[in-house]
Amino acid sequence: MSVMTRVADKAGALGSIVSAMGCGACFPALASLGAALGLGFLSQFEALFVTVLLPLFAGLAALFSRLKSITML
C-alpha cells in the first residue's frame, strides 16, 4: 500500500467529517459537537458543504478505499 493511497484515504475521510459538521440539520450530533468547539461560524457555508464538499470528499474516500482493497489482493 503506497503512501499516496494512505494519505488520500485519510484526507477523504477527514474531509467528509468536516463537511458533515457544516450541516446542523443533517447531522445533529456533529452540530452540537461543532457548536461546543466554537465552529458555529460554519453555518453560513452550509449549502457549499452539503452540495459540493460532502459528495466530493465522500467520493474521494470511497475511491481510495477501493484502490486500497484492490492493491491488497
N, C-alpha and C. Protein backbone atom coordinates (compact mmCIF):
# COMPACT_ATOMS: atom_id res chain seq x y z
N MET A 1 0.85 -1.16 0.00
CA MET A 1 0.00 0.00 0.00
C MET A 1 0.90 1.23 0.00
N SER A 2 0.67 2.09 -0.95
CA SER A 2 1.54 3.25 -1.09
C SER A 2 1.15 4.36 -0.11
N VAL A 3 2.08 5.26 0.10
CA VAL A 3 1.85 6.40 0.99
C VAL A 3 0.74 7.29 0.42
N MET A 4 0.72 7.45 -0.90
CA MET A 4 -0.30 8.28 -1.55
C MET A 4 -1.70 7.76 -1.26
N THR A 5 -1.88 6.46 -1.34
CA THR A 5 -3.19 5.86 -1.07
C THR A 5 -3.59 6.06 0.37
N ARG A 6 -2.68 5.88 1.30
CA ARG A 6 -2.99 6.05 2.71
C ARG A 6 -3.36 7.49 3.04
N VAL A 7 -2.59 8.43 2.52
CA VAL A 7 -2.84 9.84 2.80
C VAL A 7 -4.17 10.29 2.18
N ALA A 8 -4.41 9.89 0.94
CA ALA A 8 -5.64 10.30 0.26
C ALA A 8 -6.87 9.68 0.93
N ASP A 9 -6.76 8.46 1.39
CA ASP A 9 -7.87 7.81 2.08
C ASP A 9 -8.21 8.55 3.38
N LYS A 10 -7.19 8.92 4.13
CA LYS A 10 -7.41 9.66 5.38
C LYS A 10 -7.95 11.06 5.11
N ALA A 11 -7.45 11.72 4.06
CA ALA A 11 -7.93 13.06 3.72
C ALA A 11 -9.40 13.03 3.31
N GLY A 12 -9.79 12.01 2.58
CA GLY A 12 -11.19 11.88 2.18
C GLY A 12 -12.10 11.67 3.37
N ALA A 13 -11.69 10.83 4.30
CA ALA A 13 -12.50 10.58 5.49
C ALA A 13 -12.60 11.83 6.37
N LEU A 14 -11.49 12.51 6.57
CA LEU A 14 -11.50 13.73 7.37
C LEU A 14 -12.32 14.82 6.71
N GLY A 15 -12.21 14.95 5.41
CA GLY A 15 -12.99 15.95 4.68
C GLY A 15 -14.49 15.68 4.76
N SER A 16 -14.88 14.41 4.73
CA SER A 16 -16.29 14.07 4.86
C SER A 16 -16.83 14.44 6.24
N ILE A 17 -16.04 14.22 7.27
CA ILE A 17 -16.47 14.56 8.62
C ILE A 17 -16.59 16.07 8.79
N VAL A 18 -15.60 16.82 8.29
CA VAL A 18 -15.64 18.28 8.39
C VAL A 18 -16.82 18.84 7.60
N SER A 19 -17.08 18.30 6.42
CA SER A 19 -18.21 18.75 5.63
C SER A 19 -19.54 18.44 6.32
N ALA A 20 -19.62 17.28 6.94
CA ALA A 20 -20.84 16.91 7.65
C ALA A 20 -21.08 17.82 8.84
N MET A 21 -20.01 18.34 9.45
CA MET A 21 -20.18 19.24 10.59
C MET A 21 -20.79 20.58 10.17
N GLY A 22 -20.76 20.89 8.88
CA GLY A 22 -21.33 22.14 8.40
C GLY A 22 -22.84 22.11 8.30
N CYS A 23 -23.45 20.96 8.35
CA CYS A 23 -24.90 20.85 8.21
C CYS A 23 -25.51 20.40 9.52
N GLY A 24 -26.02 21.36 10.27
CA GLY A 24 -26.59 21.04 11.58
C GLY A 24 -27.87 20.25 11.52
N ALA A 25 -28.69 20.47 10.49
CA ALA A 25 -29.96 19.76 10.37
C ALA A 25 -29.75 18.31 9.96
N CYS A 26 -28.73 18.05 9.19
CA CYS A 26 -28.48 16.69 8.70
C CYS A 26 -27.82 15.80 9.74
N PHE A 27 -26.92 16.37 10.50
CA PHE A 27 -26.15 15.60 11.48
C PHE A 27 -26.19 16.33 12.82
N PRO A 28 -27.27 16.18 13.60
CA PRO A 28 -27.41 16.96 14.84
C PRO A 28 -26.34 16.66 15.90
N ALA A 29 -25.85 15.44 15.97
CA ALA A 29 -24.81 15.14 16.96
C ALA A 29 -23.52 15.87 16.62
N LEU A 30 -23.17 15.91 15.35
CA LEU A 30 -21.99 16.65 14.93
C LEU A 30 -22.18 18.15 15.09
N ALA A 31 -23.42 18.61 14.90
CA ALA A 31 -23.70 20.04 15.06
C ALA A 31 -23.50 20.47 16.51
N SER A 32 -23.94 19.66 17.44
CA SER A 32 -23.75 20.03 18.85
C SER A 32 -22.27 19.97 19.24
N LEU A 33 -21.55 19.00 18.70
CA LEU A 33 -20.12 18.92 18.94
C LEU A 33 -19.41 20.14 18.34
N GLY A 34 -19.78 20.51 17.13
CA GLY A 34 -19.18 21.67 16.48
C GLY A 34 -19.48 22.96 17.22
N ALA A 35 -20.70 23.10 17.72
CA ALA A 35 -21.05 24.30 18.49
C ALA A 35 -20.27 24.36 19.79
N ALA A 36 -20.06 23.22 20.41
CA ALA A 36 -19.29 23.19 21.64
C ALA A 36 -17.82 23.55 21.39
N LEU A 37 -17.34 23.23 20.20
CA LEU A 37 -15.96 23.55 19.84
C LEU A 37 -15.80 24.96 19.26
N GLY A 38 -16.92 25.67 19.10
CA GLY A 38 -16.86 27.03 18.57
C GLY A 38 -16.86 27.10 17.06
N LEU A 39 -17.42 26.10 16.40
CA LEU A 39 -17.44 26.08 14.94
C LEU A 39 -18.78 26.54 14.38
N GLY A 40 -19.52 27.34 15.11
CA GLY A 40 -20.82 27.82 14.66
C GLY A 40 -20.74 28.70 13.43
N PHE A 41 -19.60 29.31 13.19
CA PHE A 41 -19.46 30.18 12.03
C PHE A 41 -19.55 29.40 10.71
N LEU A 42 -19.43 28.07 10.74
CA LEU A 42 -19.53 27.27 9.53
C LEU A 42 -20.95 27.20 8.97
N SER A 43 -21.94 27.61 9.75
CA SER A 43 -23.33 27.52 9.29
C SER A 43 -23.59 28.38 8.06
N GLN A 44 -22.84 29.45 7.87
CA GLN A 44 -23.04 30.28 6.68
C GLN A 44 -22.57 29.59 5.40
N PHE A 45 -21.78 28.54 5.53
CA PHE A 45 -21.29 27.79 4.38
C PHE A 45 -21.99 26.45 4.22
N GLU A 46 -23.16 26.29 4.85
CA GLU A 46 -23.84 25.00 4.86
C GLU A 46 -24.16 24.49 3.46
N ALA A 47 -24.65 25.35 2.58
CA ALA A 47 -25.01 24.92 1.23
C ALA A 47 -23.79 24.42 0.47
N LEU A 48 -22.68 25.11 0.59
CA LEU A 48 -21.45 24.68 -0.08
C LEU A 48 -20.98 23.34 0.45
N PHE A 49 -21.01 23.17 1.77
CA PHE A 49 -20.54 21.93 2.38
C PHE A 49 -21.38 20.74 1.94
N VAL A 50 -22.70 20.91 1.94
CA VAL A 50 -23.59 19.79 1.68
C VAL A 50 -23.66 19.44 0.20
N THR A 51 -23.71 20.46 -0.66
CA THR A 51 -23.89 20.19 -2.09
C THR A 51 -22.60 19.92 -2.85
N VAL A 52 -21.47 20.41 -2.37
CA VAL A 52 -20.22 20.25 -3.11
C VAL A 52 -19.19 19.42 -2.35
N LEU A 53 -18.83 19.87 -1.17
CA LEU A 53 -17.71 19.26 -0.47
C LEU A 53 -18.01 17.87 0.08
N LEU A 54 -19.19 17.67 0.64
CA LEU A 54 -19.51 16.36 1.21
C LEU A 54 -19.48 15.26 0.15
N PRO A 55 -20.15 15.43 -1.01
CA PRO A 55 -20.04 14.38 -2.03
C PRO A 55 -18.62 14.22 -2.59
N LEU A 56 -17.90 15.32 -2.71
CA LEU A 56 -16.54 15.27 -3.22
C LEU A 56 -15.63 14.46 -2.31
N PHE A 57 -15.64 14.77 -1.02
CA PHE A 57 -14.78 14.05 -0.09
C PHE A 57 -15.25 12.61 0.14
N ALA A 58 -16.56 12.38 0.12
CA ALA A 58 -17.05 11.01 0.26
C ALA A 58 -16.62 10.16 -0.94
N GLY A 59 -16.70 10.74 -2.12
CA GLY A 59 -16.24 10.03 -3.32
C GLY A 59 -14.75 9.77 -3.28
N LEU A 60 -13.98 10.75 -2.80
CA LEU A 60 -12.54 10.59 -2.68
C LEU A 60 -12.20 9.46 -1.71
N ALA A 61 -12.88 9.41 -0.58
CA ALA A 61 -12.65 8.35 0.39
C ALA A 61 -13.04 6.99 -0.18
N ALA A 62 -14.16 6.92 -0.90
CA ALA A 62 -14.59 5.65 -1.50
C ALA A 62 -13.62 5.19 -2.57
N LEU A 63 -13.16 6.12 -3.40
CA LEU A 63 -12.23 5.78 -4.48
C LEU A 63 -10.92 5.22 -3.93
N PHE A 64 -10.33 5.90 -2.98
CA PHE A 64 -9.05 5.43 -2.47
C PHE A 64 -9.20 4.21 -1.56
N SER A 65 -10.34 4.05 -0.95
CA SER A 65 -10.59 2.84 -0.19
C SER A 65 -10.67 1.64 -1.14
N ARG A 66 -11.31 1.86 -2.28
CA ARG A 66 -11.40 0.81 -3.29
C ARG A 66 -10.01 0.49 -3.86
N LEU A 67 -9.22 1.52 -4.13
CA LEU A 67 -7.86 1.29 -4.62
C LEU A 67 -7.02 0.53 -3.60
N LYS A 68 -7.25 0.83 -2.33
CA LYS A 68 -6.52 0.14 -1.27
C LYS A 68 -6.89 -1.34 -1.24
N SER A 69 -8.18 -1.65 -1.43
CA SER A 69 -8.60 -3.04 -1.39
C SER A 69 -8.13 -3.80 -2.62
N ILE A 70 -8.03 -3.12 -3.77
CA ILE A 70 -7.55 -3.78 -4.98
C ILE A 70 -6.07 -4.12 -4.85
N THR A 71 -5.29 -3.21 -4.27
CA THR A 71 -3.86 -3.46 -4.17
C THR A 71 -3.53 -4.52 -3.12
N MET A 72 -4.46 -4.81 -2.23
CA MET A 72 -4.22 -5.81 -1.19
C MET A 72 -4.49 -7.23 -1.71
N LEU A 73 -5.13 -7.37 -2.88
CA LEU A 73 -5.47 -8.70 -3.41
C LEU A 73 -4.26 -9.45 -3.82
